Structure formats: C-alpha cells, structure tokens
C-alpha cells in the first residue's frame, strides 16, 4: 500500500487548476542532514526527487491501497552555480504518446532555479511483494562476498566525517571497473545520516553516491562539480552484497557507468560535470 510517513521534506501542497502541484521545501538541516552537502550534490538531488514526488503523488491521491511504486528512470540538470537551498517547487505531469513522466522544478529564496528533474516510475500491485523480496535478499546474501572488501580512502572521495566510503579501487587489470558495497553500516542512518532509504534494497541515493565516489576514484580526487545526470534503473540492487560500476563511456564532460550485481545488469548511470 502507499507508504505512510511520520515526517515530510515538502509541505503546504496546493493543486493548481492545470493539475500541477506547488509546495514548499524544508530548510531544517537537523531534520534533513543531507541538505548540508549543498544544493547541487547528487545525493541532495535524488533525496529531493523522492520526497517531492511522493509528496505530490500523495496530494493527488495517485497511490491506492495495495499498490507499490518504483523509480525506473530519472534525469536532472542543475541550475547556475551560487544558488541557495531550495525553498519551494512545482510538480507537473508530462505525457508524450505512451511516455508518462513527471517534472519537478525547485527554486531558492531568490526565485533562482536550483534544479530541474524528470522521472518515470511504475505502480504495481502484487500480493506476495514481501515474500518475493525476501527470496531475492536471501539469494543475494548466500552469494555475497563482503568479508574481504577494501574501501577507498576517505580523502580520495571528498567525504565528510558523517559520511562513509561505498566503493573500492579499480585493479591494474581492470581500472575502469570500480567495486562497491552498501550496507546498513555505511549507507543507512544512524551510521550514515546523509543517506537514507527503505532499508529493503540499495536506493537511488546510494547508487548516485556510489557513482560519484567511483568518478572520484577514476579522476584521482573529488575536484569536480556534478552539473546533471541520468539513471535507468532496471532491477533491485541488494544491500550487503557487492556490486560493480563499470565505465561504459567517458568524455570531457560526462562518465557513463553500468551497474552490475551477481552478474546481472541492474542500472545505467551517467554523471555530467565540470571543474570545481
């Protein structure tokens, strides 16, 4: 069924005549520690993507009892450098032929565009969701090899005291494949207050931060700014089981990764960037 939340990043939802939803955004760092990462950090963008879309969908009453939802695609473009944290936003539904997606635009206190993001998801109904996910998690745990995982050094990744490494280093034989591992100890509160999620699987915030850290490994440090990106999410990625981020394409302005786990392709992630 539609999840019920005890708190919300967005408030004061109003449905406009055209069906779009206007809302305000929280600026409370204590409630939402990831806001301290800065308005264009990919973790912030993906967290906002989740909370803004959920808030609007619930306001529009588009989730029914017994239904589940999953993000399958998203892309985003950051606004100009120097903007402040988002204080308000809009949610719109877009449709082109059979393609249905949403558009979220966030603005700071000076009405400057902070970020523009699009997304697409699926809403589905299944009577044995918990049983199905339980079987998948048991299989992943059976095949997991995490005891000898070596994480990349913090200084290479540009992470703060409250954050944790999610990736390792590439090997001499395969420098373009970066191993990754997300667990409750490095990817969920209270151990890591910057990342969150359902606790059922690796969420989009984990994937995008793992990709950002992988890019830092490839570039030899965190001296770059993410200006946008895109994710295609094809299957669940399990917590506690290593996965890999393999470079599929690379240019001066972007890096594209293929995310695999247990020999299965799970996602494609593209990060676009400039110099810090």
C-alpha atoms as a PDB file:
ATOM      1  CA  UNK A   1       0.000   0.000   0.000  1.00  0.00           C
ATOM      2  CA  UNK A   2       1.033   3.624  -0.199  1.00  0.00           C
ATOM      3  CA  UNK A   3       3.608   4.267   2.495  1.00  0.00           C
ATOM      4  CA  UNK A   4       2.744   6.489   5.415  1.00  0.00           C
ATOM      5  CA  UNK A   5       5.452   8.861   6.647  1.00  0.00           C
ATOM      6  CA  UNK A   6       5.822  10.439  10.064  1.00  0.00           C
ATOM      7  CA  UNK A   7       7.558  13.480   8.538  1.00  0.00           C
ATOM      8  CA  UNK A   8       7.916  15.141   5.158  1.00  0.00           C
ATOM      9  CA  UNK A   9      10.525  17.287   3.411  1.00  0.00           C
ATOM     10  CA  UNK A  10       7.768  19.105   1.482  1.00  0.00           C
ATOM     11  CA  UNK A  11       4.782  20.999   2.926  1.00  0.00           C
ATOM     12  CA  UNK A  12       1.871  23.290   2.010  1.00  0.00           C
ATOM     13  CA  UNK A  13       0.893  21.331  -1.097  1.00  0.00           C
ATOM     14  CA  UNK A  14      -1.596  23.038  -3.398  1.00  0.00           C
ATOM     15  CA  UNK A  15      -3.087  21.524  -6.548  1.00  0.00           C
ATOM     16  CA  UNK A  16      -3.303  24.095  -9.343  1.00  0.00           C
ATOM     17  CA  UNK A  17      -6.016  24.287 -11.993  1.00  0.00           C
ATOM     18  CA  UNK A  18      -3.741  22.602 -14.562  1.00  0.00           C
ATOM     19  CA  UNK A  19      -3.144  19.626 -12.255  1.00  0.00           C
ATOM     20  CA  UNK A  20       0.355  20.636 -11.197  1.00  0.00           C
ATOM     21  CA  UNK A  21       1.274  20.756  -7.519  1.00  0.00           C
ATOM     22  CA  UNK A  22       3.047  23.626  -5.755  1.00  0.00           C
ATOM     23  CA  UNK A  23       4.812  23.052  -2.444  1.00  0.00           C
ATOM     24  CA  UNK A  24       7.369  24.438  -0.023  1.00  0.00           C
ATOM     25  CA  UNK A  25      10.619  22.700   0.967  1.00  0.00           C
ATOM     26  CA  UNK A  26      12.153  22.301   4.394  1.00  0.00           C
ATOM     27  CA  UNK A  27      15.432  24.068   5.127  1.00  0.00           C
ATOM     28  CA  UNK A  28      15.960  22.401   8.522  1.00  0.00           C
ATOM     29  CA  UNK A  29      19.431  20.886   8.484  1.00  0.00           C
ATOM     30  CA  UNK A  30      18.841  18.949  11.705  1.00  0.00           C
ATOM     31  CA  UNK A  31      15.833  17.176  10.215  1.00  0.00           C
ATOM     32  CA  UNK A  32      17.467  16.640   6.816  1.00  0.00           C
ATOM     33  CA  UNK A  33      21.278  16.389   7.308  1.00  0.00           C
ATOM     34  CA  UNK A  34      21.889  15.785   3.581  1.00  0.00           C
ATOM     35  CA  UNK A  35      20.999  19.440   2.955  1.00  0.00           C
ATOM     36  CA  UNK A  36      24.437  20.332   4.346  1.00  0.00           C
ATOM     37  CA  UNK A  37      26.039  18.740   1.263  1.00  0.00           C
ATOM     38  CA  UNK A  38      24.955  21.674  -0.910  1.00  0.00           C
ATOM     39  CA  UNK A  39      22.065  22.279  -3.321  1.00  0.00           C
ATOM     40  CA  UNK A  40      23.683  20.565  -6.342  1.00  0.00           C
ATOM     41  CA  UNK A  41      25.137  17.492  -4.659  1.00  0.00           C
ATOM     42  CA  UNK A  42      23.675  14.405  -6.402  1.00  0.00           C
ATOM     43  CA  UNK A  43      22.604  12.893  -3.067  1.00  0.00           C
ATOM     44  CA  UNK A  44      20.570  16.024  -2.333  1.00  0.00           C
ATOM     45  CA  UNK A  45      19.003  15.968  -5.794  1.00  0.00           C
ATOM     46  CA  UNK A  46      17.960  12.321  -5.515  1.00  0.00           C
ATOM     47  CA  UNK A  47      16.623  12.757  -1.983  1.00  0.00           C
ATOM     48  CA  UNK A  48      14.578  15.729  -3.191  1.00  0.00           C
ATOM     49  CA  UNK A  49      13.415  13.698  -6.177  1.00  0.00           C
ATOM     50  CA  UNK A  50      11.958  11.084  -3.838  1.00  0.00           C
ATOM     51  CA  UNK A  51      10.375  13.370  -1.263  1.00  0.00           C
ATOM     52  CA  UNK A  52       8.981  15.907  -3.753  1.00  0.00           C
ATOM     53  CA  UNK A  53       7.423  13.259  -5.990  1.00  0.00           C
ATOM     54  CA  UNK A  54       5.990  11.293  -3.068  1.00  0.00           C
ATOM     55  CA  UNK A  55       4.516  14.415  -1.512  1.00  0.00           C
ATOM     56  CA  UNK A  56       2.847  15.411  -4.782  1.00  0.00           C
ATOM     57  CA  UNK A  57       1.590  11.893  -5.554  1.00  0.00           C
ATOM     58  CA  UNK A  58       0.022  11.595  -2.116  1.00  0.00           C
ATOM     59  CA  UNK A  59      -1.598  15.016  -2.517  1.00  0.00           C
ATOM     60  CA  UNK A  60      -3.027  13.912  -5.881  1.00  0.00           C
ATOM     61  CA  UNK A  61      -4.165  10.616  -4.330  1.00  0.00           C
ATOM     62  CA  UNK A  62      -2.429   8.613  -7.067  1.00  0.00           C
ATOM     63  CA  UNK A  63      -1.337   5.715  -4.842  1.00  0.00           C
ATOM     64  CA  UNK A  64      -4.019   3.227  -3.890  1.00  0.00           C
ATOM     65  CA  UNK A  65      -4.097   0.654  -1.109  1.00  0.00           C
ATOM     66  CA  UNK A  66      -2.186  -2.487  -2.067  1.00  0.00           C
ATOM     67  CA  UNK A  67      -0.030  -0.719  -4.635  1.00  0.00           C
ATOM     68  CA  UNK A  68       3.743  -0.271  -4.721  1.00  0.00           C
ATOM     69  CA  UNK A  69       5.880   2.085  -6.767  1.00  0.00           C
ATOM     70  CA  UNK A  70       9.430   2.013  -8.117  1.00  0.00           C
ATOM     71  CA  UNK A  71      11.551   4.626  -9.900  1.00  0.00           C
ATOM     72  CA  UNK A  72      12.731   3.345 -13.286  1.00  0.00           C
ATOM     73  CA  UNK A  73      14.308   6.436 -14.885  1.00  0.00           C
ATOM     74  CA  UNK A  74      15.351   9.942 -13.911  1.00  0.00           C
ATOM     75  CA  UNK A  75      17.432  12.782 -15.310  1.00  0.00           C
ATOM     76  CA  UNK A  76      18.327  16.163 -13.863  1.00  0.00           C
ATOM     77  CA  UNK A  77      20.029  19.435 -14.728  1.00  0.00           C
ATOM     78  CA  UNK A  78      21.410  21.723 -12.031  1.00  0.00           C
ATOM     79  CA  UNK A  79      20.875  25.472 -12.117  1.00  0.00           C
ATOM     80  CA  UNK A  80      23.644  28.041 -12.155  1.00  0.00           C
ATOM     81  CA  UNK A  81      26.406  27.951  -9.569  1.00  0.00           C
ATOM     82  CA  UNK A  82      25.822  30.057  -6.480  1.00  0.00           C
ATOM     83  CA  UNK A  83      22.160  29.262  -5.918  1.00  0.00           C
ATOM     84  CA  UNK A  84      20.948  28.599  -2.389  1.00  0.00           C
ATOM     85  CA  UNK A  85      18.946  25.731  -0.936  1.00  0.00           C
ATOM     86  CA  UNK A  86      15.523  25.117  -2.430  1.00  0.00           C
ATOM     87  CA  UNK A  87      12.604  26.667  -0.576  1.00  0.00           C
ATOM     88  CA  UNK A  88       9.750  25.852  -2.970  1.00  0.00           C
ATOM     89  CA  UNK A  89       8.957  23.799  -6.028  1.00  0.00           C
ATOM     90  CA  UNK A  90       6.447  22.534  -8.539  1.00  0.00           C
ATOM     91  CA  UNK A  91       5.468  19.052  -9.696  1.00  0.00           C
ATOM     92  CA  UNK A  92       3.997  18.565 -13.167  1.00  0.00           C
ATOM     93  CA  UNK A  93       2.930  15.514 -15.137  1.00  0.00           C
ATOM     94  CA  UNK A  94       4.200  15.222 -18.704  1.00  0.00           C
ATOM     95  CA  UNK A  95       2.973  12.905 -21.443  1.00  0.00           C
ATOM     96  CA  UNK A  96       4.245  12.266 -24.947  1.00  0.00           C
ATOM     97  CA  UNK A  97       2.450   9.395 -26.651  1.00  0.00           C
ATOM     98  CA  UNK A  98       2.653   6.448 -24.261  1.00  0.00           C
ATOM     99  CA  UNK A  99       5.521   8.014 -22.317  1.00  0.00           C
ATOM    100  CA  UNK A 100       4.319   9.358 -18.972  1.00  0.00           C
ATOM    101  CA  UNK A 101       6.720  11.098 -16.632  1.00  0.00           C
ATOM    102  CA  UNK A 102       6.916  13.890 -14.092  1.00  0.00           C
ATOM    103  CA  UNK A 103       8.831  17.163 -13.943  1.00  0.00           C
ATOM    104  CA  UNK A 104       9.994  18.702 -10.661  1.00  0.00           C
ATOM    105  CA  UNK A 105      11.481  22.199 -10.598  1.00  0.00           C
ATOM    106  CA  UNK A 106      12.937  23.654  -7.400  1.00  0.00           C
ATOM    107  CA  UNK A 107      13.692  27.315  -6.632  1.00  0.00           C
ATOM    108  CA  UNK A 108      15.682  29.117  -3.942  1.00  0.00           C
ATOM    109  CA  UNK A 109      14.570  32.105  -1.871  1.00  0.00           C
ATOM    110  CA  UNK A 110      15.561  34.482  -4.698  1.00  0.00           C
ATOM    111  CA  UNK A 111      13.445  32.524  -7.218  1.00  0.00           C
ATOM    112  CA  UNK A 112      16.517  31.175  -8.972  1.00  0.00           C
ATOM    113  CA  UNK A 113      16.153  27.675 -10.410  1.00  0.00           C
ATOM    114  CA  UNK A 114      18.106  25.232  -8.250  1.00  0.00           C
ATOM    115  CA  UNK A 115      17.470  22.035 -10.189  1.00  0.00           C
ATOM    116  CA  UNK A 116      15.101  20.640 -12.794  1.00  0.00           C
ATOM    117  CA  UNK A 117      14.500  16.889 -12.694  1.00  0.00           C
ATOM    118  CA  UNK A 118      12.347  14.460 -14.592  1.00  0.00           C
ATOM    119  CA  UNK A 119      11.405  10.937 -13.631  1.00  0.00           C
ATOM    120  CA  UNK A 120       9.372   7.924 -14.557  1.00  0.00           C
ATOM    121  CA  UNK A 121       8.204   5.078 -12.392  1.00  0.00           C
ATOM    122  CA  UNK A 122       5.877   2.124 -12.244  1.00  0.00           C
ATOM    123  CA  UNK A 123       2.982   1.490  -9.909  1.00  0.00           C
ATOM    124  CA  UNK A 124       2.219  -2.176  -9.454  1.00  0.00           C
ATOM    125  CA  UNK A 125       0.140  -4.491  -7.328  1.00  0.00           C
ATOM    126  CA  UNK A 126       1.324  -7.836  -6.008  1.00  0.00           C
ATOM    127  CA  UNK A 127       0.075  -9.930  -3.130  1.00  0.00           C
ATOM    128  CA  UNK A 128       3.431 -11.510  -2.344  1.00  0.00           C
ATOM    129  CA  UNK A 129       5.777  -8.493  -2.568  1.00  0.00           C
ATOM    130  CA  UNK A 130       7.373  -9.133   0.850  1.00  0.00           C
ATOM    131  CA  UNK A 131       7.799 -12.855   0.098  1.00  0.00           C
ATOM    132  CA  UNK A 132       9.276 -12.162  -3.340  1.00  0.00           C
ATOM    133  CA  UNK A 133      11.727  -9.594  -1.968  1.00  0.00           C
ATOM    134  CA  UNK A 134      12.638 -11.932   0.876  1.00  0.00           C
ATOM    135  CA  UNK A 135      13.637 -14.658  -1.575  1.00  0.00           C
ATOM    136  CA  UNK A 136      15.754 -12.214  -3.587  1.00  0.00           C
ATOM    137  CA  UNK A 137      17.537 -10.974  -0.477  1.00  0.00           C
ATOM    138  CA  UNK A 138      18.246 -14.485   0.772  1.00  0.00           C
ATOM    139  CA  UNK A 139      19.752 -15.435  -2.584  1.00  0.00           C
ATOM    140  CA  UNK A 140      21.937 -12.304  -2.633  1.00  0.00           C
ATOM    141  CA  UNK A 141      23.097 -12.938   0.929  1.00  0.00           C
ATOM    142  CA  UNK A 142      24.003 -16.521   0.029  1.00  0.00           C
ATOM    143  CA  UNK A 143      26.239 -15.318  -2.814  1.00  0.00           C
ATOM    144  CA  UNK A 144      27.615 -12.255  -1.017  1.00  0.00           C
ATOM    145  CA  UNK A 145      31.378 -11.977  -0.612  1.00  0.00           C
ATOM    146  CA  UNK A 146      31.913  -8.930   1.567  1.00  0.00           C
ATOM    147  CA  UNK A 147      34.439 -10.041   4.179  1.00  0.00           C
ATOM    148  CA  UNK A 148      37.492  -9.008   2.146  1.00  0.00           C
ATOM    149  CA  UNK A 149      36.070  -5.811   0.649  1.00  0.00           C
ATOM    150  CA  UNK A 150      38.541  -2.916   0.862  1.00  0.00           C
ATOM    151  CA  UNK A 151      37.037   0.564   0.754  1.00  0.00           C
ATOM    152  CA  UNK A 152      38.721   3.534  -0.912  1.00  0.00           C
ATOM    153  CA  UNK A 153      40.315   6.129   1.393  1.00  0.00           C
ATOM    154  CA  UNK A 154      38.073   8.966   2.530  1.00  0.00           C
ATOM    155  CA  UNK A 155      40.362  11.754   1.324  1.00  0.00           C
ATOM    156  CA  UNK A 156      40.214  10.422  -2.231  1.00  0.00           C
ATOM    157  CA  UNK A 157      36.410  10.590  -2.228  1.00  0.00           C
ATOM    158  CA  UNK A 158      35.929  14.008  -0.630  1.00  0.00           C
ATOM    159  CA  UNK A 159      33.534  12.833   2.065  1.00  0.00           C
ATOM    160  CA  UNK A 160      32.891  14.380   5.474  1.00  0.00           C
ATOM    161  CA  UNK A 161      33.102  12.911   8.952  1.00  0.00           C
ATOM    162  CA  UNK A 162      29.489  11.706   8.912  1.00  0.00           C
ATOM    163  CA  UNK A 163      29.833  10.024   5.513  1.00  0.00           C
ATOM    164  CA  UNK A 164      31.301   6.666   4.564  1.00  0.00           C
ATOM    165  CA  UNK A 165      33.083   5.139   1.633  1.00  0.00           C
ATOM    166  CA  UNK A 166      30.838   2.999  -0.569  1.00  0.00           C
ATOM    167  CA  UNK A 167      33.422   1.991  -3.179  1.00  0.00           C
ATOM    168  CA  UNK A 168      36.773   0.335  -3.516  1.00  0.00           C
ATOM    169  CA  UNK A 169      39.572   0.879  -6.006  1.00  0.00           C
ATOM    170  CA  UNK A 170      39.922  -0.490  -9.517  1.00  0.00           C
ATOM    171  CA  UNK A 171      42.607  -3.061 -10.221  1.00  0.00           C
ATOM    172  CA  UNK A 172      45.591  -2.788 -12.572  1.00  0.00           C
ATOM    173  CA  UNK A 173      43.958  -5.355 -14.827  1.00  0.00           C
ATOM    174  CA  UNK A 174      40.577  -3.576 -14.846  1.00  0.00           C
ATOM    175  CA  UNK A 175      40.962   0.054 -13.693  1.00  0.00           C
ATOM    176  CA  UNK A 176      37.639   1.091 -15.237  1.00  0.00           C
ATOM    177  CA  UNK A 177      35.553  -1.209 -13.029  1.00  0.00           C
ATOM    178  CA  UNK A 178      35.011   0.101  -9.508  1.00  0.00           C
ATOM    179  CA  UNK A 179      33.691  -2.305  -6.850  1.00  0.00           C
ATOM    180  CA  UNK A 180      31.023  -1.038  -4.429  1.00  0.00           C
ATOM    181  CA  UNK A 181      29.265  -2.255  -1.314  1.00  0.00           C
ATOM    182  CA  UNK A 182      26.346  -0.652   0.550  1.00  0.00           C
ATOM    183  CA  UNK A 183      25.385  -1.977   3.971  1.00  0.00           C
ATOM    184  CA  UNK A 184      23.432  -0.722   6.953  1.00  0.00           C
ATOM    185  CA  UNK A 185      26.791   0.226   8.493  1.00  0.00           C
ATOM    186  CA  UNK A 186      27.839   2.623   5.712  1.00  0.00           C
ATOM    187  CA  UNK A 187      24.625   3.508   3.881  1.00  0.00           C
ATOM    188  CA  UNK A 188      21.776   3.948   6.345  1.00  0.00           C
ATOM    189  CA  UNK A 189      21.076   6.113   9.419  1.00  0.00           C
ATOM    190  CA  UNK A 190      22.204   6.383  12.112  1.00  0.00           C
ATOM    191  CA  UNK A 191      25.590   5.189  10.827  1.00  0.00           C
ATOM    192  CA  UNK A 192      25.335   7.462   7.790  1.00  0.00           C
ATOM    193  CA  UNK A 193      22.855  10.334   8.291  1.00  0.00           C
ATOM    194  CA  UNK A 194      23.484  11.645   4.766  1.00  0.00           C
ATOM    195  CA  UNK A 195      21.933   8.611   3.088  1.00  0.00           C
ATOM    196  CA  UNK A 196      18.573   7.007   3.686  1.00  0.00           C
ATOM    197  CA  UNK A 197      16.109   4.696   2.055  1.00  0.00           C
ATOM    198  CA  UNK A 198      13.661   1.921   2.702  1.00  0.00           C
ATOM    199  CA  UNK A 199      16.246  -0.444   4.180  1.00  0.00           C
ATOM    200  CA  UNK A 200      14.930  -3.100   1.784  1.00  0.00           C
ATOM    201  CA  UNK A 201      17.450  -2.533  -1.016  1.00  0.00           C
ATOM    202  CA  UNK A 202      20.049  -0.136  -2.428  1.00  0.00           C
ATOM    203  CA  UNK A 203      18.134   3.032  -3.298  1.00  0.00           C
ATOM    204  CA  UNK A 204      18.795   5.719  -5.899  1.00  0.00           C
ATOM    205  CA  UNK A 205      20.646   7.924  -3.374  1.00  0.00           C
ATOM    206  CA  UNK A 206      23.077   5.067  -2.699  1.00  0.00           C
ATOM    207  CA  UNK A 207      23.602   4.390  -6.396  1.00  0.00           C
ATOM    208  CA  UNK A 208      24.244   8.015  -7.271  1.00  0.00           C
ATOM    209  CA  UNK A 209      26.671   8.499  -4.366  1.00  0.00           C
ATOM    210  CA  UNK A 210      28.475   5.280  -5.294  1.00  0.00           C
ATOM    211  CA  UNK A 211      28.748   6.592  -8.866  1.00  0.00           C
ATOM    212  CA  UNK A 212      30.036   9.973  -7.627  1.00  0.00           C
ATOM    213  CA  UNK A 213      32.628   8.231  -5.466  1.00  0.00           C
ATOM    214  CA  UNK A 214      33.588   5.955  -8.358  1.00  0.00           C
ATOM    215  CA  UNK A 215      34.133   9.031 -10.506  1.00  0.00           C
ATOM    216  CA  UNK A 216      36.386  10.476  -7.783  1.00  0.00           C
ATOM    217  CA  UNK A 217      38.436   7.269  -7.887  1.00  0.00           C
ATOM    218  CA  UNK A 218      38.738   7.496 -11.661  1.00  0.00           C
ATOM    219  CA  UNK A 219      39.682  11.201 -11.603  1.00  0.00           C
ATOM    220  CA  UNK A 220      42.077  10.824  -8.690  1.00  0.00           C
ATOM    221  CA  UNK A 221      40.118  13.091  -6.372  1.00  0.00           C
ATOM    222  CA  UNK A 222      36.843  14.936  -5.786  1.00  0.00           C
ATOM    223  CA  UNK A 223      37.722  18.195  -7.583  1.00  0.00           C
ATOM    224  CA  UNK A 224      34.712  18.313  -9.900  1.00  0.00           C
ATOM    225  CA  UNK A 225      31.136  19.557  -9.747  1.00  0.00           C
ATOM    226  CA  UNK A 226      28.180  17.467 -10.854  1.00  0.00           C
ATOM    227  CA  UNK A 227      26.004  19.516 -13.216  1.00  0.00           C
ATOM    228  CA  UNK A 228      23.430  16.853 -14.047  1.00  0.00           C
ATOM    229  CA  UNK A 229      22.954  13.226 -14.887  1.00  0.00           C
ATOM    230  CA  UNK A 230      20.650  10.365 -15.757  1.00  0.00           C
ATOM    231  CA  UNK A 231      19.781   6.966 -14.300  1.00  0.00           C
ATOM    232  CA  UNK A 232      17.997   3.959 -15.802  1.00  0.00           C
ATOM    233  CA  UNK A 233      17.040   1.545 -13.011  1.00  0.00           C
ATOM    234  CA  UNK A 234      16.263  -1.937 -14.291  1.00  0.00           C
ATOM    235  CA  UNK A 235      16.265  -4.246 -11.261  1.00  0.00           C
ATOM    236  CA  UNK A 236      16.690  -4.148  -7.493  1.00  0.00           C
ATOM    237  CA  UNK A 237      20.226  -3.928  -6.091  1.00  0.00           C
ATOM    238  CA  UNK A 238      20.594  -5.758  -2.779  1.00  0.00           C
ATOM    239  CA  UNK A 239      22.095  -4.362   0.405  1.00  0.00           C
ATOM    240  CA  UNK A 240      25.090  -6.180   1.838  1.00  0.00           C
ATOM    241  CA  UNK A 241      26.136  -7.715  -1.500  1.00  0.00           C
ATOM    242  CA  UNK A 242      28.973  -6.192  -3.557  1.00  0.00           C
ATOM    243  CA  UNK A 243      28.231  -4.713  -6.965  1.00  0.00           C
ATOM    244  CA  UNK A 244      30.355  -3.056  -9.620  1.00  0.00           C
ATOM    245  CA  UNK A 245      30.335   0.209 -11.555  1.00  0.00           C
ATOM    246  CA  UNK A 246      31.942  -0.292 -14.946  1.00  0.00           C
ATOM    247  CA  UNK A 247      32.779   2.638 -17.217  1.00  0.00           C
ATOM    248  CA  UNK A 248      30.823   2.266 -20.439  1.00  0.00           C
ATOM    249  CA  UNK A 249      31.603   5.656 -21.959  1.00  0.00           C
ATOM    250  CA  UNK A 250      33.647   8.677 -20.918  1.00  0.00           C
ATOM    251  CA  UNK A 251      34.263  12.156 -22.292  1.00  0.00           C
ATOM    252  CA  UNK A 252      35.474  15.511 -21.018  1.00  0.00           C
ATOM    253  CA  UNK A 253      32.014  16.310 -19.699  1.00  0.00           C
ATOM    254  CA  UNK A 254      30.468  13.005 -18.585  1.00  0.00           C
ATOM    255  CA  UNK A 255      31.010   9.450 -17.400  1.00  0.00           C
ATOM    256  CA  UNK A 256      28.572   6.614 -18.022  1.00  0.00           C
ATOM    257  CA  UNK A 257      28.536   3.568 -15.721  1.00  0.00           C
ATOM    258  CA  UNK A 258      26.940   0.139 -15.986  1.00  0.00           C
ATOM    259  CA  UNK A 259      25.955  -1.174 -12.547  1.00  0.00           C
ATOM    260  CA  UNK A 260      26.075  -4.977 -12.235  1.00  0.00           C
ATOM    261  CA  UNK A 261      25.393  -7.246  -9.264  1.00  0.00           C
ATOM    262  CA  UNK A 262      25.824 -11.020  -9.193  1.00  0.00           C
ATOM    263  CA  UNK A 263      26.451 -10.983 -12.939  1.00  0.00           C
ATOM    264  CA  UNK A 264      23.204  -9.179 -13.741  1.00  0.00           C
ATOM    265  CA  UNK A 265      22.877  -5.648 -15.202  1.00  0.00           C
ATOM    266  CA  UNK A 266      20.873  -3.519 -12.777  1.00  0.00           C
ATOM    267  CA  UNK A 267      21.277   0.128 -13.795  1.00  0.00           C
ATOM    268  CA  UNK A 268      22.917   2.622 -16.127  1.00  0.00           C
ATOM    269  CA  UNK A 269      24.143   5.825 -14.513  1.00  0.00           C
ATOM    270  CA  UNK A 270      25.504   8.907 -16.273  1.00  0.00           C
ATOM    271  CA  UNK A 271      27.113  11.821 -14.431  1.00  0.00           C
ATOM    272  CA  UNK A 272      27.795  15.141 -16.148  1.00  0.00           C
ATOM    273  CA  UNK A 273      30.340  17.501 -14.642  1.00  0.00           C
ATOM    274  CA  UNK A 274      32.680  20.443 -14.811  1.00  0.00           C
ATOM    275  CA  UNK A 275      35.689  21.595 -12.813  1.00  0.00           C
ATOM    276  CA  UNK A 276      35.224  22.523  -9.160  1.00  0.00           C
END
